[in-house]
N, C-alpha and C. Protein backbone atom coordinates (compact mmCIF):
# COMPACT_ATOMS: atom_id res chain seq x y z
N MET A 1 0.82 -1.19 0.00
CA MET A 1 0.00 0.00 0.00
C MET A 1 0.86 1.26 0.00
N ALA A 2 1.92 1.24 0.82
CA ALA A 2 2.81 2.40 0.89
C ALA A 2 3.48 2.63 -0.46
N ARG A 3 3.86 1.55 -1.14
CA ARG A 3 4.50 1.66 -2.45
C ARG A 3 3.53 2.28 -3.45
N ARG A 4 2.26 1.86 -3.40
CA ARG A 4 1.25 2.42 -4.30
C ARG A 4 1.07 3.92 -4.04
N ASN A 5 0.98 4.31 -2.78
CA ASN A 5 0.83 5.73 -2.44
C ASN A 5 2.03 6.54 -2.91
N LEU A 6 3.24 5.98 -2.79
CA LEU A 6 4.44 6.66 -3.25
C LEU A 6 4.38 6.86 -4.76
N ARG A 7 3.95 5.82 -5.51
CA ARG A 7 3.82 5.94 -6.96
C ARG A 7 2.81 7.03 -7.32
N GLU A 8 1.66 7.02 -6.62
CA GLU A 8 0.65 8.02 -6.90
C GLU A 8 1.16 9.42 -6.56
N THR A 9 1.92 9.54 -5.46
CA THR A 9 2.49 10.82 -5.07
C THR A 9 3.49 11.29 -6.13
N ASN A 10 4.36 10.38 -6.59
CA ASN A 10 5.33 10.74 -7.63
C ASN A 10 4.62 11.10 -8.93
N ARG A 11 3.56 10.34 -9.28
CA ARG A 11 2.82 10.63 -10.50
C ARG A 11 2.18 12.02 -10.39
N GLY A 12 1.57 12.32 -9.26
CA GLY A 12 0.96 13.63 -9.05
C GLY A 12 1.98 14.74 -9.13
N LYS A 13 3.17 14.50 -8.57
CA LYS A 13 4.25 15.49 -8.60
C LYS A 13 4.69 15.73 -10.04
N ARG A 14 4.87 14.64 -10.82
CA ARG A 14 5.27 14.79 -12.22
C ARG A 14 4.21 15.54 -13.02
N MET A 15 2.93 15.24 -12.76
CA MET A 15 1.86 15.93 -13.48
C MET A 15 1.85 17.42 -13.13
N ARG A 16 2.03 17.75 -11.84
CA ARG A 16 2.08 19.17 -11.45
C ARG A 16 3.27 19.87 -12.09
N GLN A 17 4.42 19.16 -12.17
CA GLN A 17 5.59 19.75 -12.81
C GLN A 17 5.33 19.97 -14.29
N ALA A 18 4.68 19.00 -14.95
CA ALA A 18 4.38 19.14 -16.38
C ALA A 18 3.44 20.32 -16.61
N VAL A 19 2.43 20.45 -15.76
CA VAL A 19 1.51 21.58 -15.88
C VAL A 19 2.25 22.89 -15.64
N ALA A 20 3.13 22.92 -14.66
CA ALA A 20 3.90 24.13 -14.36
C ALA A 20 4.78 24.50 -15.54
N VAL A 21 5.44 23.50 -16.15
CA VAL A 21 6.29 23.77 -17.30
C VAL A 21 5.45 24.25 -18.47
N ALA A 22 4.32 23.58 -18.74
CA ALA A 22 3.45 24.00 -19.84
C ALA A 22 2.92 25.41 -19.61
N GLY A 23 2.59 25.73 -18.38
CA GLY A 23 2.06 27.05 -18.06
C GLY A 23 3.14 28.12 -17.98
N ALA A 24 4.40 27.73 -17.89
CA ALA A 24 5.49 28.69 -17.73
C ALA A 24 5.62 29.59 -18.95
N ARG A 25 5.26 29.11 -20.12
CA ARG A 25 5.40 29.92 -21.34
C ARG A 25 4.30 30.95 -21.49
N ARG A 26 3.21 30.76 -20.78
CA ARG A 26 2.09 31.66 -20.92
C ARG A 26 2.38 32.99 -20.22
N THR A 27 2.11 34.06 -20.91
CA THR A 27 2.28 35.39 -20.35
C THR A 27 0.90 35.98 -20.12
N GLU A 28 0.65 36.45 -18.92
CA GLU A 28 -0.63 37.10 -18.63
C GLU A 28 -0.67 38.45 -19.35
N LEU A 29 -1.75 38.67 -20.07
CA LEU A 29 -1.92 39.93 -20.80
C LEU A 29 -2.99 40.76 -20.11
N ASP A 30 -2.65 42.00 -19.81
CA ASP A 30 -3.65 42.89 -19.22
C ASP A 30 -4.36 43.66 -20.34
N PRO A 31 -5.39 44.42 -20.03
CA PRO A 31 -6.13 45.14 -21.09
C PRO A 31 -5.24 46.07 -21.93
N SER A 32 -4.24 46.69 -21.32
CA SER A 32 -3.34 47.56 -22.09
C SER A 32 -2.51 46.76 -23.09
N ASP A 33 -2.03 45.56 -22.68
CA ASP A 33 -1.30 44.69 -23.61
C ASP A 33 -2.20 44.33 -24.79
N ARG A 34 -3.44 43.99 -24.50
CA ARG A 34 -4.37 43.59 -25.55
C ARG A 34 -4.66 44.73 -26.52
N ARG A 35 -4.83 45.94 -26.00
CA ARG A 35 -5.04 47.11 -26.88
C ARG A 35 -3.81 47.31 -27.77
N LEU A 36 -2.64 47.18 -27.19
CA LEU A 36 -1.40 47.34 -27.94
C LEU A 36 -1.28 46.28 -29.03
N LEU A 37 -1.58 45.04 -28.71
CA LEU A 37 -1.51 43.96 -29.70
C LEU A 37 -2.54 44.15 -30.81
N ARG A 38 -3.73 44.63 -30.47
CA ARG A 38 -4.73 44.91 -31.51
C ARG A 38 -4.23 46.01 -32.45
N ALA A 39 -3.60 47.04 -31.89
CA ALA A 39 -3.06 48.13 -32.72
C ALA A 39 -1.94 47.60 -33.63
N LEU A 40 -1.08 46.74 -33.10
CA LEU A 40 -0.01 46.16 -33.92
C LEU A 40 -0.58 45.27 -35.01
N ARG A 41 -1.61 44.49 -34.68
CA ARG A 41 -2.23 43.63 -35.69
C ARG A 41 -2.83 44.45 -36.82
N ALA A 42 -3.40 45.61 -36.48
CA ALA A 42 -4.03 46.47 -37.49
C ALA A 42 -3.00 46.99 -38.49
N ASP A 43 -1.81 47.35 -38.00
CA ASP A 43 -0.75 47.85 -38.89
C ASP A 43 0.59 47.77 -38.17
N VAL A 44 1.28 46.68 -38.35
CA VAL A 44 2.54 46.46 -37.64
C VAL A 44 3.63 47.44 -38.09
N ARG A 45 3.45 48.05 -39.26
CA ARG A 45 4.46 48.99 -39.76
C ARG A 45 4.18 50.44 -39.34
N ALA A 46 3.10 50.66 -38.62
CA ALA A 46 2.77 52.02 -38.18
C ALA A 46 3.86 52.53 -37.25
N PRO A 47 4.12 53.83 -37.24
CA PRO A 47 5.10 54.40 -36.31
C PRO A 47 4.67 54.15 -34.87
N ILE A 48 5.63 54.06 -33.98
CA ILE A 48 5.36 53.77 -32.57
C ILE A 48 4.41 54.79 -31.98
N GLY A 49 4.48 56.05 -32.42
CA GLY A 49 3.57 57.08 -31.92
C GLY A 49 2.12 56.75 -32.25
N ALA A 50 1.86 56.25 -33.45
CA ALA A 50 0.50 55.88 -33.86
C ALA A 50 0.02 54.64 -33.09
N ILE A 51 0.93 53.70 -32.90
CA ILE A 51 0.59 52.48 -32.13
C ILE A 51 0.24 52.88 -30.70
N ALA A 52 1.07 53.75 -30.10
CA ALA A 52 0.84 54.19 -28.72
C ALA A 52 -0.48 54.94 -28.61
N SER A 53 -0.74 55.82 -29.55
CA SER A 53 -1.98 56.61 -29.54
C SER A 53 -3.20 55.69 -29.66
N ALA A 54 -3.15 54.73 -30.58
CA ALA A 54 -4.26 53.80 -30.76
C ALA A 54 -4.46 52.91 -29.54
N SER A 55 -3.40 52.74 -28.75
CA SER A 55 -3.47 51.90 -27.55
C SER A 55 -3.80 52.69 -26.31
N GLY A 56 -3.83 54.03 -26.42
CA GLY A 56 -4.14 54.87 -25.28
C GLY A 56 -3.01 54.96 -24.28
N MET A 57 -1.77 54.97 -24.77
CA MET A 57 -0.63 55.07 -23.85
C MET A 57 0.45 55.95 -24.46
N THR A 58 1.44 56.28 -23.66
CA THR A 58 2.54 57.11 -24.15
C THR A 58 3.46 56.26 -25.02
N VAL A 59 4.29 56.94 -25.80
CA VAL A 59 5.25 56.25 -26.66
C VAL A 59 6.21 55.42 -25.81
N ALA A 60 6.69 55.98 -24.69
CA ALA A 60 7.62 55.25 -23.83
C ALA A 60 6.97 53.99 -23.25
N ALA A 61 5.73 54.11 -22.78
CA ALA A 61 5.04 52.96 -22.20
C ALA A 61 4.79 51.89 -23.27
N ALA A 62 4.39 52.31 -24.46
CA ALA A 62 4.16 51.36 -25.55
C ALA A 62 5.46 50.65 -25.92
N GLY A 63 6.56 51.40 -25.99
CA GLY A 63 7.85 50.80 -26.31
C GLY A 63 8.28 49.78 -25.28
N ARG A 64 8.09 50.09 -24.00
CA ARG A 64 8.43 49.14 -22.93
C ARG A 64 7.58 47.88 -23.02
N ARG A 65 6.30 48.07 -23.26
CA ARG A 65 5.40 46.91 -23.34
C ARG A 65 5.73 46.04 -24.56
N ILE A 66 6.02 46.67 -25.68
CA ILE A 66 6.38 45.89 -26.88
C ILE A 66 7.64 45.08 -26.60
N GLU A 67 8.62 45.70 -25.97
CA GLU A 67 9.86 44.98 -25.65
C GLU A 67 9.59 43.83 -24.68
N ARG A 68 8.73 44.04 -23.68
CA ARG A 68 8.39 42.98 -22.73
C ARG A 68 7.65 41.84 -23.45
N LEU A 69 6.74 42.19 -24.36
CA LEU A 69 6.01 41.17 -25.11
C LEU A 69 6.94 40.40 -26.04
N ARG A 70 7.94 41.08 -26.57
CA ARG A 70 8.95 40.41 -27.41
C ARG A 70 9.80 39.47 -26.57
N SER A 71 10.32 39.95 -25.46
CA SER A 71 11.22 39.14 -24.65
C SER A 71 10.50 37.97 -23.98
N SER A 72 9.21 38.09 -23.74
CA SER A 72 8.45 36.99 -23.14
C SER A 72 7.98 35.98 -24.19
N GLY A 73 8.14 36.30 -25.47
CA GLY A 73 7.77 35.36 -26.52
C GLY A 73 6.37 35.54 -27.07
N VAL A 74 5.61 36.49 -26.55
CA VAL A 74 4.27 36.74 -27.10
C VAL A 74 4.40 37.24 -28.53
N ILE A 75 5.27 38.22 -28.75
CA ILE A 75 5.58 38.68 -30.11
C ILE A 75 6.81 37.90 -30.56
N ARG A 76 6.62 37.03 -31.55
CA ARG A 76 7.73 36.19 -32.02
C ARG A 76 8.53 36.83 -33.13
N GLY A 77 7.96 37.81 -33.80
CA GLY A 77 8.68 38.45 -34.89
C GLY A 77 7.71 39.18 -35.78
N TYR A 78 8.25 39.72 -36.86
CA TYR A 78 7.47 40.44 -37.85
C TYR A 78 7.77 39.78 -39.18
N ARG A 79 6.74 39.51 -39.96
CA ARG A 79 6.91 38.73 -41.18
C ARG A 79 6.50 39.49 -42.43
N LEU A 80 7.15 39.12 -43.50
CA LEU A 80 6.79 39.61 -44.81
C LEU A 80 5.75 38.66 -45.38
N ASP A 81 4.63 39.17 -45.86
CA ASP A 81 3.56 38.35 -46.40
C ASP A 81 3.61 38.43 -47.93
N LEU A 82 4.11 37.38 -48.54
CA LEU A 82 4.25 37.33 -49.99
C LEU A 82 3.07 36.59 -50.61
N ASP A 83 2.67 36.97 -51.81
CA ASP A 83 1.59 36.29 -52.53
C ASP A 83 2.22 35.26 -53.47
N PRO A 84 2.11 33.96 -53.14
CA PRO A 84 2.72 32.94 -54.00
C PRO A 84 2.22 32.99 -55.44
N ALA A 85 0.95 33.30 -55.65
CA ALA A 85 0.40 33.36 -57.01
C ALA A 85 1.08 34.46 -57.82
N ALA A 86 1.30 35.61 -57.21
CA ALA A 86 1.96 36.72 -57.89
C ALA A 86 3.41 36.39 -58.23
N MET A 87 3.96 35.41 -57.51
CA MET A 87 5.35 35.00 -57.75
C MET A 87 5.45 33.77 -58.65
N GLY A 88 4.31 33.35 -59.23
CA GLY A 88 4.33 32.24 -60.17
C GLY A 88 3.98 30.88 -59.56
N PHE A 89 3.42 30.86 -58.37
CA PHE A 89 3.03 29.61 -57.71
C PHE A 89 1.55 29.67 -57.30
N PRO A 90 0.64 29.66 -58.30
CA PRO A 90 -0.78 29.85 -58.00
C PRO A 90 -1.51 28.61 -57.47
N LEU A 91 -0.94 27.43 -57.64
CA LEU A 91 -1.62 26.20 -57.24
C LEU A 91 -1.16 25.80 -55.84
N HIS A 92 -2.13 25.57 -54.95
CA HIS A 92 -1.83 25.20 -53.57
C HIS A 92 -2.46 23.86 -53.26
N ALA A 93 -1.81 23.11 -52.40
CA ALA A 93 -2.33 21.80 -52.01
C ALA A 93 -1.96 21.50 -50.57
N PHE A 94 -2.75 20.64 -49.96
CA PHE A 94 -2.43 20.09 -48.65
C PHE A 94 -2.11 18.62 -48.86
N ILE A 95 -1.04 18.16 -48.24
CA ILE A 95 -0.62 16.77 -48.40
C ILE A 95 -0.44 16.16 -47.01
N GLN A 96 -1.17 15.07 -46.79
CA GLN A 96 -1.02 14.33 -45.55
C GLN A 96 0.02 13.24 -45.80
N VAL A 97 1.02 13.17 -44.93
CA VAL A 97 2.14 12.25 -45.10
C VAL A 97 2.19 11.28 -43.92
N GLY A 98 2.24 9.99 -44.24
CA GLY A 98 2.46 8.97 -43.22
C GLY A 98 3.90 8.48 -43.32
N LEU A 99 4.59 8.43 -42.20
CA LEU A 99 5.97 7.95 -42.19
C LEU A 99 6.01 6.44 -41.97
N CYS A 100 7.10 5.83 -42.40
CA CYS A 100 7.29 4.39 -42.20
C CYS A 100 7.42 4.05 -40.73
N ALA A 101 8.00 4.94 -39.97
CA ALA A 101 8.20 4.72 -38.53
C ALA A 101 8.15 6.07 -37.83
N GLN A 102 7.67 6.06 -36.60
CA GLN A 102 7.59 7.30 -35.84
C GLN A 102 8.73 7.36 -34.82
N HIS A 103 9.94 7.27 -35.31
CA HIS A 103 11.09 7.41 -34.42
C HIS A 103 11.86 8.67 -34.80
N ALA A 104 12.75 9.08 -33.92
CA ALA A 104 13.44 10.36 -34.07
C ALA A 104 14.17 10.48 -35.40
N ASP A 105 14.79 9.40 -35.88
CA ASP A 105 15.55 9.49 -37.14
C ASP A 105 14.63 9.79 -38.32
N ALA A 106 13.51 9.07 -38.43
CA ALA A 106 12.58 9.28 -39.54
C ALA A 106 11.96 10.67 -39.46
N ILE A 107 11.56 11.07 -38.27
CA ILE A 107 10.95 12.40 -38.10
C ILE A 107 11.97 13.49 -38.43
N GLY A 108 13.20 13.34 -37.97
CA GLY A 108 14.25 14.31 -38.26
C GLY A 108 14.56 14.39 -39.74
N THR A 109 14.66 13.24 -40.39
CA THR A 109 14.92 13.20 -41.84
C THR A 109 13.82 13.93 -42.59
N PHE A 110 12.57 13.65 -42.23
CA PHE A 110 11.45 14.29 -42.92
C PHE A 110 11.43 15.80 -42.67
N ARG A 111 11.63 16.21 -41.42
CA ARG A 111 11.64 17.65 -41.12
C ARG A 111 12.73 18.38 -41.90
N ARG A 112 13.92 17.80 -41.96
CA ARG A 112 15.02 18.45 -42.70
C ARG A 112 14.67 18.56 -44.18
N TRP A 113 14.06 17.52 -44.74
CA TRP A 113 13.66 17.55 -46.14
C TRP A 113 12.61 18.65 -46.35
N ALA A 114 11.60 18.71 -45.48
CA ALA A 114 10.54 19.72 -45.63
C ALA A 114 11.10 21.13 -45.47
N ASP A 115 12.03 21.31 -44.54
CA ASP A 115 12.64 22.63 -44.34
C ASP A 115 13.39 23.10 -45.59
N ARG A 116 13.98 22.16 -46.34
CA ARG A 116 14.75 22.52 -47.54
C ARG A 116 13.88 22.64 -48.80
N SER A 117 12.68 22.11 -48.78
CA SER A 117 11.82 22.12 -49.97
C SER A 117 11.12 23.47 -50.12
N GLU A 118 11.45 24.17 -51.19
CA GLU A 118 10.88 25.51 -51.39
C GLU A 118 9.38 25.48 -51.58
N GLU A 119 8.84 24.41 -52.13
CA GLU A 119 7.40 24.33 -52.36
C GLU A 119 6.62 24.22 -51.06
N VAL A 120 7.24 23.70 -50.01
CA VAL A 120 6.56 23.53 -48.73
C VAL A 120 6.53 24.88 -48.02
N THR A 121 5.32 25.45 -47.89
CA THR A 121 5.19 26.75 -47.23
C THR A 121 4.99 26.61 -45.73
N ASP A 122 4.35 25.52 -45.31
CA ASP A 122 4.10 25.25 -43.90
C ASP A 122 4.02 23.74 -43.72
N TYR A 123 4.34 23.28 -42.53
CA TYR A 123 4.06 21.89 -42.20
C TYR A 123 3.85 21.74 -40.72
N TRP A 124 3.07 20.72 -40.38
CA TRP A 124 2.74 20.45 -38.99
C TRP A 124 2.89 18.95 -38.73
N MET A 125 3.43 18.58 -37.58
CA MET A 125 3.42 17.20 -37.13
C MET A 125 2.07 16.98 -36.47
N MET A 126 1.40 15.90 -36.84
CA MET A 126 0.01 15.69 -36.44
C MET A 126 -0.17 14.45 -35.57
N ALA A 127 -1.25 14.43 -34.83
CA ALA A 127 -1.72 13.22 -34.16
C ALA A 127 -2.96 12.78 -34.95
N GLY A 128 -3.09 11.50 -35.19
CA GLY A 128 -4.22 11.01 -35.96
C GLY A 128 -3.76 10.13 -37.10
N ASP A 129 -4.47 10.21 -38.23
CA ASP A 129 -4.19 9.32 -39.35
C ASP A 129 -2.82 9.53 -39.96
N GLY A 130 -2.43 10.75 -40.21
CA GLY A 130 -1.14 11.03 -40.82
C GLY A 130 -0.16 11.55 -39.79
N ASP A 131 1.10 11.53 -40.16
CA ASP A 131 2.14 12.03 -39.25
C ASP A 131 2.44 13.50 -39.48
N PHE A 132 2.37 13.95 -40.73
CA PHE A 132 2.62 15.35 -41.07
C PHE A 132 1.57 15.84 -42.04
N LEU A 133 1.27 17.13 -41.96
CA LEU A 133 0.42 17.79 -42.93
C LEU A 133 1.25 18.91 -43.54
N LEU A 134 1.36 18.89 -44.87
CA LEU A 134 2.13 19.91 -45.60
C LEU A 134 1.18 20.84 -46.34
N ARG A 135 1.56 22.10 -46.42
CA ARG A 135 0.91 23.02 -47.34
C ARG A 135 1.97 23.37 -48.37
N VAL A 136 1.65 23.18 -49.64
CA VAL A 136 2.62 23.43 -50.70
C VAL A 136 2.06 24.42 -51.72
N ALA A 137 2.96 25.15 -52.38
CA ALA A 137 2.62 26.06 -53.47
C ALA A 137 3.46 25.65 -54.67
N VAL A 138 2.79 25.44 -55.81
CA VAL A 138 3.47 24.99 -57.03
C VAL A 138 2.97 25.79 -58.23
N ARG A 139 3.71 25.68 -59.36
CA ARG A 139 3.37 26.44 -60.56
C ARG A 139 2.10 25.92 -61.24
N ASP A 140 1.99 24.58 -61.33
CA ASP A 140 0.88 23.98 -62.06
C ASP A 140 0.78 22.50 -61.69
N THR A 141 -0.11 21.76 -62.35
CA THR A 141 -0.29 20.35 -62.01
C THR A 141 0.93 19.50 -62.38
N VAL A 142 1.65 19.90 -63.40
CA VAL A 142 2.87 19.17 -63.76
C VAL A 142 3.90 19.31 -62.63
N HIS A 143 4.09 20.52 -62.16
CA HIS A 143 5.00 20.78 -61.04
C HIS A 143 4.54 20.01 -59.80
N PHE A 144 3.23 20.01 -59.54
CA PHE A 144 2.69 19.30 -58.39
C PHE A 144 2.96 17.79 -58.52
N GLY A 145 2.71 17.24 -59.69
CA GLY A 145 2.96 15.81 -59.92
C GLY A 145 4.43 15.46 -59.73
N ASP A 146 5.31 16.30 -60.24
CA ASP A 146 6.74 16.08 -60.06
C ASP A 146 7.12 16.13 -58.58
N PHE A 147 6.61 17.12 -57.87
CA PHE A 147 6.89 17.24 -56.45
C PHE A 147 6.40 16.00 -55.69
N LEU A 148 5.19 15.58 -55.99
CA LEU A 148 4.56 14.48 -55.27
C LEU A 148 5.20 13.13 -55.61
N LEU A 149 5.36 12.86 -56.89
CA LEU A 149 5.79 11.53 -57.32
C LEU A 149 7.31 11.34 -57.38
N ARG A 150 8.03 12.39 -57.76
CA ARG A 150 9.48 12.24 -57.92
C ARG A 150 10.29 12.68 -56.72
N ARG A 151 9.67 13.47 -55.86
CA ARG A 151 10.43 13.96 -54.70
C ARG A 151 9.89 13.43 -53.38
N LEU A 152 8.65 13.77 -53.07
CA LEU A 152 8.09 13.38 -51.77
C LEU A 152 7.95 11.87 -51.64
N SER A 153 7.36 11.22 -52.61
CA SER A 153 7.12 9.77 -52.53
C SER A 153 8.40 8.95 -52.56
N LYS A 154 9.48 9.53 -53.04
CA LYS A 154 10.76 8.81 -53.13
C LYS A 154 11.55 8.83 -51.82
N LEU A 155 11.11 9.65 -50.86
CA LEU A 155 11.81 9.67 -49.56
C LEU A 155 11.66 8.31 -48.90
N GLY A 156 12.76 7.78 -48.43
CA GLY A 156 12.75 6.46 -47.80
C GLY A 156 11.90 6.38 -46.54
N CYS A 157 11.69 7.49 -45.87
CA CYS A 157 10.93 7.48 -44.62
C CYS A 157 9.42 7.64 -44.84
N VAL A 158 8.98 7.87 -46.09
CA VAL A 158 7.56 8.11 -46.37
C VAL A 158 6.87 6.79 -46.72
N ARG A 159 5.77 6.51 -45.98
CA ARG A 159 4.96 5.31 -46.20
C ARG A 159 3.77 5.61 -47.10
N SER A 160 3.11 6.77 -46.87
CA SER A 160 1.90 7.09 -47.63
C SER A 160 1.75 8.59 -47.79
N VAL A 161 1.04 8.98 -48.86
CA VAL A 161 0.69 10.38 -49.08
C VAL A 161 -0.75 10.45 -49.56
N SER A 162 -1.42 11.50 -49.17
CA SER A 162 -2.78 11.78 -49.61
C SER A 162 -2.86 13.28 -49.81
N SER A 163 -3.32 13.71 -50.98
CA SER A 163 -3.29 15.14 -51.27
C SER A 163 -4.67 15.67 -51.62
N SER A 164 -4.82 16.97 -51.38
CA SER A 164 -6.03 17.71 -51.74
C SER A 164 -5.61 19.04 -52.33
N LEU A 165 -6.14 19.36 -53.52
CA LEU A 165 -5.84 20.64 -54.15
C LEU A 165 -6.79 21.71 -53.62
N VAL A 166 -6.28 22.90 -53.42
CA VAL A 166 -7.08 24.02 -52.94
C VAL A 166 -7.78 24.65 -54.13
N LEU A 167 -9.11 24.76 -54.06
CA LEU A 167 -9.87 25.40 -55.13
C LEU A 167 -9.99 26.90 -54.90
N SER A 168 -10.20 27.29 -53.67
CA SER A 168 -10.23 28.71 -53.32
C SER A 168 -9.92 28.81 -51.83
N SER A 169 -9.55 30.01 -51.41
CA SER A 169 -9.21 30.18 -50.00
C SER A 169 -10.01 31.34 -49.43
N GLY A 170 -10.15 31.31 -48.13
CA GLY A 170 -10.85 32.39 -47.43
C GLY A 170 -9.88 33.08 -46.50
N LYS A 171 -10.09 32.90 -45.24
CA LYS A 171 -9.25 33.52 -44.22
C LYS A 171 -7.84 32.98 -44.32
N SER A 172 -6.88 33.86 -44.33
CA SER A 172 -5.51 33.44 -44.49
C SER A 172 -4.62 34.26 -43.56
N GLY A 173 -3.62 33.63 -43.00
CA GLY A 173 -2.69 34.33 -42.13
C GLY A 173 -3.33 34.82 -40.84
N ALA A 174 -4.35 34.12 -40.40
CA ALA A 174 -5.05 34.53 -39.18
C ALA A 174 -4.12 34.48 -37.98
N LEU A 175 -4.28 35.44 -37.12
CA LEU A 175 -3.48 35.52 -35.90
C LEU A 175 -4.35 35.05 -34.74
N PRO A 176 -3.70 34.64 -33.65
CA PRO A 176 -4.48 34.23 -32.48
C PRO A 176 -5.35 35.39 -31.99
N PRO A 177 -6.47 35.07 -31.36
CA PRO A 177 -7.35 36.14 -30.88
C PRO A 177 -6.68 36.97 -29.78
N VAL A 178 -6.99 38.24 -29.77
CA VAL A 178 -6.55 39.14 -28.71
C VAL A 178 -7.83 39.59 -28.01
N LEU A 179 -8.30 38.75 -27.12
CA LEU A 179 -9.60 39.00 -26.49
C LEU A 179 -9.56 40.11 -25.47
């Protein structure tokens, strides 16, 4: 009985530690932070004075808050939003990829390949039927077929692929809510 209680105590301790670690990344946002983030979302290139004014704070206070939000990881960076179609890549697809094995070597090999593939605009490791979901941008169906059949399917770590072509898109580049 004592051994069982010790196991349960250790299990509870590990779970509390896991929750503490998971919660450690979260930054509490107050209403002023949220106003500032909404102003940045509206126009990240606006001068700091305009951001501060839209947030109802001084330039110095806005600058300090932006720096704190950056250093805490809430603001991860500023990105350039390019239009793949305007650059000659109008066809988009989602590809679900199943790996031959779910071990570190296969996952690492696949991630390195996806990171180097220019057609892959985003990818996610998934739980469920497939192991990875890719979003790709290609010139046309010939380019897509070449990518799928001659490159992706030839990877030794890939067991299966299933693809869907995008016919039209709606909301794109959505940011997390700033409630």
